[in-house]
Amino acid sequence: MATEVEHRAKNTLALISGLLRMTKADSAAQLDQIMQGRIRVLIGTMGLLREAKWSGADLRSILSDALSPFTGQEDEGTVVTLSGPAIWIDVSAAQSVSMAFHELATNAGKYGALSTSLGKLDISWDIADGRVEVKWRESGGPPVVEPPTRVGFGLQLVSILFEGQLGGIVTRDWSAEGLVCRLSFP
């Protein structure tokens, strides 16, 4: 068990180091804010993994933790809905999954549904053909006139994590109501 924990700790530190190198910020304060959010979600995921004796974590728990900075403010009107069956995410995938959803939530908080008091975020998931299928659907945010011409680092990181590390597929569609992102992984 100690060897496994040491391995996970080294992987987490390598991930943080890589994120720090790749993250661009206009100031030290902005870099601090970005990295604090990312480190917070990694700490939360490690807590979930520790509770399950390093066997993995439930997808709903991972999502709830990754979205926690953006939820719990019902008086502000933003609504986040999570729906789907219990799905166990293996320990080897849990941090990538949590970091990807943190990046989607951060993006929604800056530019999408979580940036307005009328915003709604519906996240649903299921298993199809042995793959976890997640649908992230934003509405009620700023109107989408046209899809962005440039994909920022956060959305690039989502693709890196899901496609590169998990062997998954990520598709994004900016409808008039907001971003619809589909994520599929084994």
Protein backbone atom coordinates (compact mmCIF):
# COMPACT_ATOMS: atom_id res chain seq x y z
CA MET A 1 0.00 0.00 0.00
CA ALA A 2 2.80 2.45 0.85
CA THR A 3 4.42 1.87 -2.55
CA GLU A 4 1.12 2.61 -4.32
CA VAL A 5 0.60 5.82 -2.32
CA GLU A 6 4.17 6.90 -3.08
CA HIS A 7 3.58 6.21 -6.78
CA ARG A 8 0.35 8.27 -6.75
CA ALA A 9 2.07 11.13 -4.90
CA LYS A 10 4.88 11.24 -7.46
CA ASN A 11 2.35 11.21 -10.32
CA THR A 12 0.41 14.05 -8.71
CA LEU A 13 3.53 16.15 -8.22
CA ALA A 14 4.55 15.49 -11.84
CA LEU A 15 1.07 16.57 -12.96
CA ILE A 16 1.28 19.78 -10.91
CA SER A 17 4.75 20.50 -12.29
CA GLY A 18 3.51 20.01 -15.86
CA LEU A 19 0.46 22.20 -15.28
CA LEU A 20 2.64 24.92 -13.83
CA ARG A 21 4.95 24.86 -16.86
CA MET A 22 2.07 24.97 -19.36
CA THR A 23 -0.13 27.53 -17.60
CA LYS A 24 0.01 31.05 -18.95
CA ALA A 25 -1.01 33.99 -16.80
CA ASP A 26 -0.76 37.77 -17.00
CA SER A 27 0.45 38.12 -13.42
CA ALA A 28 1.74 36.15 -10.47
CA ALA A 29 -1.61 36.67 -8.74
CA GLN A 30 -3.49 35.22 -11.71
CA LEU A 31 -1.12 32.24 -11.89
CA ASP A 32 -1.63 31.69 -8.15
CA GLN A 33 -5.42 31.75 -8.55
CA ILE A 34 -5.38 29.31 -11.49
CA MET A 35 -3.00 26.88 -9.81
CA GLN A 36 -4.80 27.05 -6.45
CA GLY A 37 -8.00 25.89 -8.18
CA ARG A 38 -6.21 23.04 -9.90
CA ILE A 39 -4.40 21.95 -6.76
CA ARG A 40 -7.66 22.15 -4.76
CA VAL A 41 -9.37 19.72 -7.14
CA LEU A 42 -6.41 17.32 -6.99
CA ILE A 43 -6.50 17.42 -3.18
CA GLY A 44 -10.25 16.76 -3.25
CA THR A 45 -9.79 13.79 -5.55
CA MET A 46 -7.02 12.40 -3.37
CA GLY A 47 -9.43 12.65 -0.43
CA LEU A 48 -12.06 10.67 -2.35
CA LEU A 49 -9.45 8.06 -3.28
CA ARG A 50 -8.20 7.84 0.30
CA GLU A 51 -11.77 7.29 1.57
CA ALA A 52 -12.10 4.36 -0.86
CA LYS A 53 -8.72 2.93 0.17
CA TRP A 54 -7.18 3.98 -3.18
CA SER A 55 -9.50 1.74 -5.24
CA GLY A 56 -11.14 4.57 -7.20
CA ALA A 57 -13.99 7.02 -6.76
CA ASP A 58 -17.63 7.43 -7.74
CA LEU A 59 -18.16 9.69 -10.78
CA ARG A 60 -20.87 11.72 -9.02
CA SER A 61 -18.49 12.42 -6.12
CA ILE A 62 -15.71 13.44 -8.51
CA LEU A 63 -18.07 15.82 -10.33
CA SER A 64 -19.48 17.26 -7.10
CA ASP A 65 -15.98 17.97 -5.83
CA ALA A 66 -14.76 19.49 -9.11
CA LEU A 67 -17.85 21.73 -9.31
CA SER A 68 -17.98 22.70 -5.62
CA PRO A 69 -16.49 26.20 -6.10
CA PHE A 70 -19.33 26.93 -8.55
CA THR A 71 -22.26 25.39 -6.67
CA GLY A 72 -23.93 25.94 -3.34
CA GLN A 73 -24.96 29.47 -4.26
CA GLU A 74 -28.67 28.82 -4.83
CA ASP A 75 -29.50 32.39 -3.86
CA GLU A 76 -27.58 33.52 -6.95
CA GLY A 77 -29.80 31.42 -9.23
CA THR A 78 -27.23 29.21 -10.95
CA VAL A 79 -28.47 25.63 -11.20
CA VAL A 80 -26.23 22.58 -11.60
CA THR A 81 -27.87 19.21 -12.21
CA LEU A 82 -26.03 15.89 -12.01
CA SER A 83 -27.80 12.76 -13.22
CA GLY A 84 -26.68 9.25 -13.97
CA PRO A 85 -26.07 5.84 -12.45
CA ALA A 86 -23.34 5.02 -9.98
CA ILE A 87 -20.13 4.59 -11.99
CA TRP A 88 -16.84 3.69 -10.35
CA ILE A 89 -13.81 5.46 -11.82
CA ASP A 90 -10.56 3.55 -11.44
CA VAL A 91 -7.82 5.12 -9.34
CA SER A 92 -5.64 5.49 -12.45
CA ALA A 93 -8.27 7.68 -14.17
CA ALA A 94 -9.79 9.61 -11.26
CA GLN A 95 -7.40 12.58 -11.22
CA SER A 96 -7.57 13.06 -14.99
CA VAL A 97 -11.38 12.97 -14.87
CA SER A 98 -11.57 15.44 -11.96
CA MET A 99 -9.07 17.84 -13.53
CA ALA A 100 -10.91 17.78 -16.87
CA PHE A 101 -14.24 18.63 -15.23
CA HIS A 102 -12.58 21.32 -13.13
CA GLU A 103 -11.31 22.90 -16.36
CA LEU A 104 -14.77 22.73 -17.96
CA ALA A 105 -16.30 24.31 -14.84
CA THR A 106 -13.65 27.05 -14.77
CA ASN A 107 -14.36 27.81 -18.43
CA ALA A 108 -18.11 27.90 -17.74
CA GLY A 109 -17.46 30.23 -14.78
CA LYS A 110 -15.51 32.65 -16.96
CA TYR A 111 -17.41 32.53 -20.24
CA GLY A 112 -20.40 30.21 -20.04
CA ALA A 113 -23.43 29.22 -18.02
CA LEU A 114 -21.75 29.51 -14.61
CA SER A 115 -20.83 33.15 -15.32
CA THR A 116 -24.43 34.39 -15.00
CA SER A 117 -27.13 34.19 -12.36
CA LEU A 118 -29.51 32.54 -14.86
CA GLY A 119 -27.05 29.88 -15.93
CA LYS A 120 -27.84 26.20 -15.91
CA LEU A 121 -25.47 23.29 -16.21
CA ASP A 122 -26.79 19.79 -16.82
CA ILE A 123 -24.31 16.94 -16.57
CA SER A 124 -25.61 13.48 -17.36
CA TRP A 125 -23.79 10.19 -17.80
CA ASP A 126 -24.31 6.54 -18.55
CA ILE A 127 -22.43 3.49 -19.76
CA ALA A 128 -22.77 2.47 -23.42
CA ASP A 129 -20.79 -0.28 -25.11
CA GLY A 130 -18.41 -0.51 -22.16
CA ARG A 131 -17.61 3.22 -22.22
CA VAL A 132 -18.53 5.99 -19.82
CA GLU A 133 -20.50 8.60 -21.80
CA VAL A 134 -20.82 12.06 -20.23
CA LYS A 135 -22.84 14.97 -21.62
CA TRP A 136 -22.05 18.48 -20.32
CA ARG A 137 -24.77 20.94 -21.39
CA GLU A 138 -24.72 24.64 -20.57
CA SER A 139 -27.65 27.03 -21.00
CA GLY A 140 -28.68 30.44 -19.74
CA GLY A 141 -25.21 31.91 -20.04
CA PRO A 142 -24.08 34.66 -22.39
CA PRO A 143 -25.49 34.06 -25.88
CA VAL A 144 -23.19 32.20 -28.24
CA VAL A 145 -23.10 34.19 -31.46
CA GLU A 146 -20.47 31.96 -33.05
CA PRO A 147 -18.13 29.25 -31.83
CA PRO A 148 -14.83 30.54 -30.49
CA THR A 149 -12.08 30.82 -33.08
CA ARG A 150 -9.46 29.85 -30.52
CA VAL A 151 -9.60 27.07 -27.95
CA GLY A 152 -7.96 28.11 -24.68
CA PHE A 153 -5.59 26.06 -22.58
CA GLY A 154 -8.35 24.77 -20.28
CA LEU A 155 -10.30 23.15 -23.11
CA GLN A 156 -7.07 21.91 -24.66
CA LEU A 157 -6.25 20.31 -21.30
CA VAL A 158 -9.65 18.55 -21.28
CA SER A 159 -8.76 16.97 -24.64
CA ILE A 160 -5.25 16.06 -23.47
CA LEU A 161 -6.62 14.38 -20.34
CA PHE A 162 -9.51 12.51 -21.96
CA GLU A 163 -8.00 11.63 -25.31
CA GLY A 164 -4.32 11.37 -24.45
CA GLN A 165 -4.40 9.87 -20.97
CA LEU A 166 -7.72 8.02 -20.91
CA GLY A 167 -8.04 6.94 -24.55
CA GLY A 168 -11.32 8.83 -24.74
CA ILE A 169 -13.14 11.06 -27.19
CA VAL A 170 -14.13 14.70 -26.65
CA THR A 171 -16.56 16.59 -28.89
CA ARG A 172 -17.61 20.20 -28.36
CA ASP A 173 -20.54 22.03 -29.93
CA TRP A 174 -21.39 25.64 -29.20
CA SER A 175 -25.15 25.87 -29.67
CA ALA A 176 -26.98 29.19 -29.35
CA GLU A 177 -27.73 28.29 -25.70
CA GLY A 178 -24.17 27.38 -24.78
CA LEU A 179 -21.53 24.69 -24.84
CA VAL A 180 -22.49 21.06 -25.26
CA CYS A 181 -19.50 18.81 -24.61
CA ARG A 182 -19.59 15.04 -24.94
CA LEU A 183 -16.87 13.00 -23.28
CA SER A 184 -16.47 9.28 -23.75
CA PHE A 185 -13.84 7.03 -22.18
CA PRO A 186 -13.30 3.33 -21.44
